[in-house]
């Protein structure tokens, strides 16, 4: 939710740090955001679950990647 909400507001995510303990938004807002970004019309709970697991996996990998660190981002903007 933290990434998707900032992305939707067109905020710069290069220096954003995910904090698992941070609670943002309501359950209703989170569900609406997931439905907006899922890419399927009227997805099932399984499809939403798969989407969130895949997105979480990809974002975790991105956070750990040396190529996506803020220091490298200045040299390779948009990478």
PDB file of N, CA and C in Angstrom:
ATOM      1  N   UNK A   1       0.826  -1.197   0.000  1.00  0.00           N
ATOM      2  CA  UNK A   1       0.000   0.000   0.000  1.00  0.00           C
ATOM      3  C   UNK A   1       0.865   1.253   0.000  1.00  0.00           C
ATOM      4  N   UNK A   2       1.949   1.220   0.794  1.00  0.00           N
ATOM      5  CA  UNK A   2       2.801   2.397   0.891  1.00  0.00           C
ATOM      6  C   UNK A   2       3.379   2.783  -0.471  1.00  0.00           C
ATOM      7  N   UNK A   3       3.850   1.817  -1.230  1.00  0.00           N
ATOM      8  CA  UNK A   3       4.390   2.103  -2.555  1.00  0.00           C
ATOM      9  C   UNK A   3       3.294   2.531  -3.534  1.00  0.00           C
ATOM     10  N   UNK A   4       2.218   1.772  -3.593  1.00  0.00           N
ATOM     11  CA  UNK A   4       1.165   2.045  -4.567  1.00  0.00           C
ATOM     12  C   UNK A   4       0.505   3.404  -4.333  1.00  0.00           C
ATOM     13  N   UNK A   5       0.277   3.759  -3.087  1.00  0.00           N
ATOM     14  CA  UNK A   5      -0.370   5.043  -2.812  1.00  0.00           C
ATOM     15  C   UNK A   5       0.534   6.201  -3.229  1.00  0.00           C
ATOM     16  N   UNK A   6       1.829   6.081  -2.990  1.00  0.00           N
ATOM     17  CA  UNK A   6       2.757   7.129  -3.401  1.00  0.00           C
ATOM     18  C   UNK A   6       2.897   7.175  -4.922  1.00  0.00           C
ATOM     19  N   UNK A   7       2.913   6.009  -5.540  1.00  0.00           N
ATOM     20  CA  UNK A   7       2.994   5.954  -6.998  1.00  0.00           C
ATOM     21  C   UNK A   7       1.769   6.614  -7.629  1.00  0.00           C
ATOM     22  N   UNK A   8       0.611   6.348  -7.086  1.00  0.00           N
ATOM     23  CA  UNK A   8      -0.620   6.932  -7.616  1.00  0.00           C
ATOM     24  C   UNK A   8      -0.618   8.456  -7.473  1.00  0.00           C
ATOM     25  N   UNK A   9      -0.008   8.958  -6.406  1.00  0.00           N
ATOM     26  CA  UNK A   9       0.084  10.409  -6.198  1.00  0.00           C
ATOM     27  C   UNK A   9       1.252  11.022  -6.970  1.00  0.00           C
ATOM     28  N   UNK A  10       1.941  10.177  -7.770  1.00  0.00           N
ATOM     29  CA  UNK A  10       3.076  10.593  -8.602  1.00  0.00           C
ATOM     30  C   UNK A  10       4.237  11.147  -7.768  1.00  0.00           C
ATOM     31  N   UNK A  11       4.437  10.555  -6.594  1.00  0.00           N
ATOM     32  CA  UNK A  11       5.570  10.943  -5.760  1.00  0.00           C
ATOM     33  C   UNK A  11       6.818  10.211  -6.237  1.00  0.00           C
ATOM     34  N   UNK A  12       7.961  10.795  -5.966  1.00  0.00           N
ATOM     35  CA  UNK A  12       9.231  10.176  -6.313  1.00  0.00           C
ATOM     36  C   UNK A  12       9.505   9.030  -5.330  1.00  0.00           C
ATOM     37  N   UNK A  13       9.646   7.829  -5.846  1.00  0.00           N
ATOM     38  CA  UNK A  13       9.874   6.658  -4.995  1.00  0.00           C
ATOM     39  C   UNK A  13      11.350   6.338  -4.804  1.00  0.00           C
ATOM     40  N   UNK A  14      12.239   7.109  -5.441  1.00  0.00           N
ATOM     41  CA  UNK A  14      13.669   6.806  -5.371  1.00  0.00           C
ATOM     42  C   UNK A  14      14.213   6.849  -3.952  1.00  0.00           C
ATOM     43  N   UNK A  15      13.686   7.721  -3.123  1.00  0.00           N
ATOM     44  CA  UNK A  15      14.206   7.856  -1.755  1.00  0.00           C
ATOM     45  C   UNK A  15      13.219   7.360  -0.702  1.00  0.00           C
ATOM     46  N   UNK A  16      12.154   6.712  -1.147  1.00  0.00           N
ATOM     47  CA  UNK A  16      11.167   6.175  -0.203  1.00  0.00           C
ATOM     48  C   UNK A  16      11.705   4.902   0.439  1.00  0.00           C
ATOM     49  N   UNK A  17      11.515   4.783   1.731  1.00  0.00           N
ATOM     50  CA  UNK A  17      11.934   3.589   2.470  1.00  0.00           C
ATOM     51  C   UNK A  17      10.692   2.959   3.082  1.00  0.00           C
ATOM     52  N   UNK A  18      10.457   1.699   2.736  1.00  0.00           N
ATOM     53  CA  UNK A  18       9.319   0.958   3.266  1.00  0.00           C
ATOM     54  C   UNK A  18       9.549   0.649   4.736  1.00  0.00           C
ATOM     55  N   UNK A  19       8.543   0.924   5.550  1.00  0.00           N
ATOM     56  CA  UNK A  19       8.609   0.630   6.984  1.00  0.00           C
ATOM     57  C   UNK A  19       7.416  -0.264   7.312  1.00  0.00           C
ATOM     58  N   UNK A  20       7.672  -1.562   7.575  1.00  0.00           N
ATOM     59  CA  UNK A  20       6.570  -2.504   7.811  1.00  0.00           C
ATOM     60  C   UNK A  20       5.662  -2.121   8.968  1.00  0.00           C
ATOM     61  N   UNK A  21       6.195  -1.468   9.990  1.00  0.00           N
ATOM     62  CA  UNK A  21       5.398  -1.128  11.158  1.00  0.00           C
ATOM     63  C   UNK A  21       4.504   0.087  10.930  1.00  0.00           C
ATOM     64  N   UNK A  22       4.708   0.801   9.843  1.00  0.00           N
ATOM     65  CA  UNK A  22       3.923   2.014   9.553  1.00  0.00           C
ATOM     66  C   UNK A  22       2.552   1.614   9.018  1.00  0.00           C
ATOM     67  N   UNK A  23       1.523   2.128   9.637  1.00  0.00           N
ATOM     68  CA  UNK A  23       0.161   1.874   9.176  1.00  0.00           C
ATOM     69  C   UNK A  23      -0.338   3.114   8.455  1.00  0.00           C
ATOM     70  N   UNK A  24      -0.763   2.914   7.223  1.00  0.00           N
ATOM     71  CA  UNK A  24      -1.285   4.027   6.427  1.00  0.00           C
ATOM     72  C   UNK A  24      -2.605   3.599   5.810  1.00  0.00           C
ATOM     73  N   UNK A  25      -3.507   4.525   5.691  1.00  0.00           N
ATOM     74  CA  UNK A  25      -4.775   4.262   5.031  1.00  0.00           C
ATOM     75  C   UNK A  25      -5.663   3.304   5.801  1.00  0.00           C
ATOM     76  N   UNK A  26      -6.848   3.130   5.260  1.00  0.00           N
ATOM     77  CA  UNK A  26      -7.812   2.208   5.850  1.00  0.00           C
ATOM     78  C   UNK A  26      -7.861   0.935   5.020  1.00  0.00           C
ATOM     79  N   UNK A  27      -8.541  -0.070   5.542  1.00  0.00           N
ATOM     80  CA  UNK A  27      -8.704  -1.320   4.800  1.00  0.00           C
ATOM     81  C   UNK A  27      -9.432  -1.065   3.480  1.00  0.00           C
ATOM     82  N   UNK A  28     -10.417  -0.180   3.529  1.00  0.00           N
ATOM     83  CA  UNK A  28     -11.194   0.148   2.330  1.00  0.00           C
ATOM     84  C   UNK A  28     -10.312   0.819   1.280  1.00  0.00           C
ATOM     85  N   UNK A  29      -9.472   1.761   1.706  1.00  0.00           N
ATOM     86  CA  UNK A  29      -8.562   2.440   0.778  1.00  0.00           C
ATOM     87  C   UNK A  29      -7.553   1.463   0.182  1.00  0.00           C
ATOM     88  N   UNK A  30      -7.060   0.569   1.003  1.00  0.00           N
ATOM     89  CA  UNK A  30      -6.096  -0.431   0.534  1.00  0.00           C
ATOM     90  C   UNK A  30      -6.729  -1.338  -0.515  1.00  0.00           C
ATOM     91  N   UNK A  31      -7.911  -1.823  -0.244  1.00  0.00           N
ATOM     92  CA  UNK A  31      -8.599  -2.697  -1.192  1.00  0.00           C
ATOM     93  C   UNK A  31      -8.870  -1.974  -2.504  1.00  0.00           C
ATOM     94  N   UNK A  32      -9.305  -0.718  -2.425  1.00  0.00           N
ATOM     95  CA  UNK A  32      -9.559   0.063  -3.638  1.00  0.00           C
ATOM     96  C   UNK A  32      -8.284   0.218  -4.466  1.00  0.00           C
ATOM     97  N   UNK A  33      -7.174   0.499  -3.799  1.00  0.00           N
ATOM     98  CA  UNK A  33      -5.904   0.668  -4.481  1.00  0.00           C
ATOM     99  C   UNK A  33      -5.462  -0.639  -5.147  1.00  0.00           C
ATOM    100  N   UNK A  34      -5.615  -1.748  -4.440  1.00  0.00           N
ATOM    101  CA  UNK A  34      -5.261  -3.049  -5.021  1.00  0.00           C
ATOM    102  C   UNK A  34      -6.125  -3.367  -6.236  1.00  0.00           C
ATOM    103  N   UNK A  35      -7.402  -3.057  -6.143  1.00  0.00           N
ATOM    104  CA  UNK A  35      -8.300  -3.290  -7.278  1.00  0.00           C
ATOM    105  C   UNK A  35      -7.916  -2.411  -8.465  1.00  0.00           C
ATOM    106  N   UNK A  36      -7.494  -1.178  -8.197  1.00  0.00           N
ATOM    107  CA  UNK A  36      -7.080  -0.273  -9.270  1.00  0.00           C
ATOM    108  C   UNK A  36      -5.839  -0.776  -9.991  1.00  0.00           C
ATOM    109  N   UNK A  37      -4.890  -1.340  -9.246  1.00  0.00           N
ATOM    110  CA  UNK A  37      -3.615  -1.726  -9.827  1.00  0.00           C
ATOM    111  C   UNK A  37      -3.525  -3.193 -10.231  1.00  0.00           C
ATOM    112  N   UNK A  38      -4.473  -3.988  -9.843  1.00  0.00           N
ATOM    113  CA  UNK A  38      -4.416  -5.428 -10.109  1.00  0.00           C
ATOM    114  C   UNK A  38      -4.383  -5.749 -11.602  1.00  0.00           C
ATOM    115  N   UNK A  39      -5.085  -4.968 -12.401  1.00  0.00           N
ATOM    116  CA  UNK A  39      -5.077  -5.203 -13.839  1.00  0.00           C
ATOM    117  C   UNK A  39      -6.176  -6.132 -14.318  1.00  0.00           C
ATOM    118  N   UNK A  40      -7.019  -6.593 -13.425  1.00  0.00           N
ATOM    119  CA  UNK A  40      -8.128  -7.469 -13.797  1.00  0.00           C
ATOM    120  C   UNK A  40      -9.433  -6.802 -13.392  1.00  0.00           C
ATOM    121  N   UNK A  41     -10.435  -6.968 -14.230  1.00  0.00           N
ATOM    122  CA  UNK A  41     -11.754  -6.463 -13.896  1.00  0.00           C
ATOM    123  C   UNK A  41     -12.442  -7.483 -12.988  1.00  0.00           C
ATOM    124  N   UNK A  42     -12.872  -7.037 -11.820  1.00  0.00           N
ATOM    125  CA  UNK A  42     -13.556  -7.896 -10.863  1.00  0.00           C
ATOM    126  C   UNK A  42     -12.726  -9.139 -10.499  1.00  0.00           C
ATOM    127  N   UNK A  43     -11.505  -8.941  -9.950  1.00  0.00           N
ATOM    128  CA  UNK A  43     -10.652 -10.084  -9.612  1.00  0.00           C
ATOM    129  C   UNK A  43     -11.178 -10.872  -8.419  1.00  0.00           C
ATOM    130  N   UNK A  44     -10.825 -12.131  -8.379  1.00  0.00           N
ATOM    131  CA  UNK A  44     -11.167 -12.961  -7.222  1.00  0.00           C
ATOM    132  C   UNK A  44     -10.182 -12.661  -6.094  1.00  0.00           C
ATOM    133  N   UNK A  45     -10.497 -13.184  -4.897  1.00  0.00           N
ATOM    134  CA  UNK A  45      -9.580 -12.997  -3.771  1.00  0.00           C
ATOM    135  C   UNK A  45      -8.248 -13.682  -4.050  1.00  0.00           C
ATOM    136  N   UNK A  46      -8.282 -14.805  -4.740  1.00  0.00           N
ATOM    137  CA  UNK A  46      -7.043 -15.513  -5.093  1.00  0.00           C
ATOM    138  C   UNK A  46      -6.197 -14.664  -6.026  1.00  0.00           C
ATOM    139  N   UNK A  47      -6.818 -14.027  -7.006  1.00  0.00           N
ATOM    140  CA  UNK A  47      -6.071 -13.165  -7.926  1.00  0.00           C
ATOM    141  C   UNK A  47      -5.477 -11.963  -7.204  1.00  0.00           C
ATOM    142  N   UNK A  48      -6.225 -11.370  -6.285  1.00  0.00           N
ATOM    143  CA  UNK A  48      -5.688 -10.262  -5.492  1.00  0.00           C
ATOM    144  C   UNK A  48      -4.536 -10.727  -4.604  1.00  0.00           C
ATOM    145  N   UNK A  49      -4.689 -11.906  -4.025  1.00  0.00           N
ATOM    146  CA  UNK A  49      -3.632 -12.463  -3.189  1.00  0.00           C
ATOM    147  C   UNK A  49      -2.365 -12.711  -4.007  1.00  0.00           C
ATOM    148  N   UNK A  50      -2.522 -13.307  -5.181  1.00  0.00           N
ATOM    149  CA  UNK A  50      -1.370 -13.555  -6.052  1.00  0.00           C
ATOM    150  C   UNK A  50      -0.704 -12.243  -6.462  1.00  0.00           C
ATOM    151  N   UNK A  51      -1.510 -11.241  -6.792  1.00  0.00           N
ATOM    152  CA  UNK A  51      -0.980  -9.937  -7.171  1.00  0.00           C
ATOM    153  C   UNK A  51      -0.162  -9.335  -6.033  1.00  0.00           C
ATOM    154  N   UNK A  52      -0.698  -9.354  -4.812  1.00  0.00           N
ATOM    155  CA  UNK A  52       0.009  -8.749  -3.686  1.00  0.00           C
ATOM    156  C   UNK A  52       1.287  -9.519  -3.350  1.00  0.00           C
ATOM    157  N   UNK A  53       1.248 -10.852  -3.438  1.00  0.00           N
ATOM    158  CA  UNK A  53       2.464 -11.639  -3.171  1.00  0.00           C
ATOM    159  C   UNK A  53       3.533 -11.357  -4.216  1.00  0.00           C
ATOM    160  N   UNK A  54       3.133 -11.299  -5.484  1.00  0.00           N
ATOM    161  CA  UNK A  54       4.085 -11.021  -6.549  1.00  0.00           C
ATOM    162  C   UNK A  54       4.664  -9.614  -6.404  1.00  0.00           C
ATOM    163  N   UNK A  55       3.802  -8.624  -6.155  1.00  0.00           N
ATOM    164  CA  UNK A  55       4.267  -7.252  -5.998  1.00  0.00           C
ATOM    165  C   UNK A  55       5.214  -7.135  -4.810  1.00  0.00           C
ATOM    166  N   UNK A  56       4.880  -7.751  -3.700  1.00  0.00           N
ATOM    167  CA  UNK A  56       5.735  -7.720  -2.519  1.00  0.00           C
ATOM    168  C   UNK A  56       7.095  -8.349  -2.807  1.00  0.00           C
ATOM    169  N   UNK A  57       7.095  -9.475  -3.519  1.00  0.00           N
ATOM    170  CA  UNK A  57       8.347 -10.144  -3.883  1.00  0.00           C
ATOM    171  C   UNK A  57       9.208  -9.227  -4.752  1.00  0.00           C
ATOM    172  N   UNK A  58       8.600  -8.611  -5.766  1.00  0.00           N
ATOM    173  CA  UNK A  58       9.340  -7.735  -6.678  1.00  0.00           C
ATOM    174  C   UNK A  58       9.871  -6.501  -5.952  1.00  0.00           C
ATOM    175  N   UNK A  59       9.066  -5.895  -5.099  1.00  0.00           N
ATOM    176  CA  UNK A  59       9.509  -4.709  -4.372  1.00  0.00           C
ATOM    177  C   UNK A  59      10.612  -5.046  -3.372  1.00  0.00           C
ATOM    178  N   UNK A  60      10.539  -6.208  -2.745  1.00  0.00           N
ATOM    179  CA  UNK A  60      11.600  -6.638  -1.825  1.00  0.00           C
ATOM    180  C   UNK A  60      12.913  -6.811  -2.561  1.00  0.00           C
ATOM    181  N   UNK A  61      12.861  -7.414  -3.744  1.00  0.00           N
ATOM    182  CA  UNK A  61      14.063  -7.587  -4.557  1.00  0.00           C
ATOM    183  C   UNK A  61      14.623  -6.233  -4.987  1.00  0.00           C
ATOM    184  N   UNK A  62      13.756  -5.330  -5.362  1.00  0.00           N
ATOM    185  CA  UNK A  62      14.166  -3.992  -5.788  1.00  0.00           C
ATOM    186  C   UNK A  62      14.850  -3.242  -4.641  1.00  0.00           C
ATOM    187  N   UNK A  63      14.292  -3.334  -3.444  1.00  0.00           N
ATOM    188  CA  UNK A  63      14.865  -2.649  -2.284  1.00  0.00           C
ATOM    189  C   UNK A  63      16.278  -3.137  -1.984  1.00  0.00           C
ATOM    190  N   UNK A  64      16.551  -4.408  -2.264  1.00  0.00           N
ATOM    191  CA  UNK A  64      17.855  -5.001  -1.953  1.00  0.00           C
ATOM    192  C   UNK A  64      18.846  -4.865  -3.100  1.00  0.00           C
ATOM    193  N   UNK A  65      18.386  -4.458  -4.260  1.00  0.00           N
ATOM    194  CA  UNK A  65      19.244  -4.376  -5.431  1.00  0.00           C
ATOM    195  C   UNK A  65      20.162  -3.163  -5.368  1.00  0.00           C
ATOM    196  N   UNK A  66      21.421  -3.376  -5.643  1.00  0.00           N
ATOM    197  CA  UNK A  66      22.389  -2.285  -5.671  1.00  0.00           C
ATOM    198  C   UNK A  66      22.062  -1.326  -6.820  1.00  0.00           C
ATOM    199  N   UNK A  67      21.448  -1.818  -7.861  1.00  0.00           N
ATOM    200  CA  UNK A  67      21.120  -0.985  -9.016  1.00  0.00           C
ATOM    201  C   UNK A  67      19.955  -0.040  -8.750  1.00  0.00           C
ATOM    202  N   UNK A  68      19.191  -0.291  -7.707  1.00  0.00           N
ATOM    203  CA  UNK A  68      18.035   0.546  -7.390  1.00  0.00           C
ATOM    204  C   UNK A  68      18.254   1.417  -6.165  1.00  0.00           C
ATOM    205  N   UNK A  69      19.473   1.477  -5.679  1.00  0.00           N
ATOM    206  CA  UNK A  69      19.749   2.291  -4.496  1.00  0.00           C
ATOM    207  C   UNK A  69      19.741   3.767  -4.877  1.00  0.00           C
ATOM    208  N   UNK A  70      19.428   4.644  -3.932  1.00  0.00           N
ATOM    209  CA  UNK A  70      19.393   6.085  -4.231  1.00  0.00           C
ATOM    210  C   UNK A  70      20.725   6.614  -4.758  1.00  0.00           C
ATOM    211  N   UNK A  71      21.856   6.071  -4.289  1.00  0.00           N
ATOM    212  CA  UNK A  71      23.160   6.542  -4.741  1.00  0.00           C
ATOM    213  C   UNK A  71      23.359   6.278  -6.233  1.00  0.00           C
ATOM    214  N   UNK A  72      22.955   5.129  -6.690  1.00  0.00           N
ATOM    215  CA  UNK A  72      23.087   4.777  -8.104  1.00  0.00           C
ATOM    216  C   UNK A  72      22.056   5.530  -8.926  1.00  0.00           C
ATOM    217  N   UNK A  73      20.895   5.791  -8.337  1.00  0.00           N
ATOM    218  CA  UNK A  73      19.810   6.454  -9.044  1.00  0.00           C
ATOM    219  C   UNK A  73      20.181   7.810  -9.604  1.00  0.00           C
ATOM    220  N   UNK A  74      21.109   8.510  -8.940  1.00  0.00           N
ATOM    221  CA  UNK A  74      21.517   9.816  -9.430  1.00  0.00           C
ATOM    222  C   UNK A  74      22.294   9.682 -10.729  1.00  0.00           C
ATOM    223  N   UNK A  75      23.037   8.605 -10.876  1.00  0.00           N
ATOM    224  CA  UNK A  75      23.797   8.374 -12.102  1.00  0.00           C
ATOM    225  C   UNK A  75      22.929   7.780 -13.207  1.00  0.00           C
ATOM    226  N   UNK A  76      21.919   7.007 -12.827  1.00  0.00           N
ATOM    227  CA  UNK A  76      21.065   6.312 -13.797  1.00  0.00           C
ATOM    228  C   UNK A  76      19.596   6.665 -13.545  1.00  0.00           C
ATOM    229  N   UNK A  77      19.248   7.929 -13.659  1.00  0.00           N
ATOM    230  CA  UNK A  77      17.876   8.336 -13.389  1.00  0.00           C
ATOM    231  C   UNK A  77      16.908   7.624 -14.330  1.00  0.00           C
ATOM    232  N   UNK A  78      15.819   7.115 -13.749  1.00  0.00           N
ATOM    233  CA  UNK A  78      14.816   6.396 -14.514  1.00  0.00           C
ATOM    234  C   UNK A  78      15.119   4.939 -14.689  1.00  0.00           C
ATOM    235  N   UNK A  79      16.301   4.492 -14.252  1.00  0.00           N
ATOM    236  CA  UNK A  79      16.671   3.083 -14.381  1.00  0.00           C
ATOM    237  C   UNK A  79      15.856   2.282 -13.410  1.00  0.00           C
TER     238      UNK A  79
END
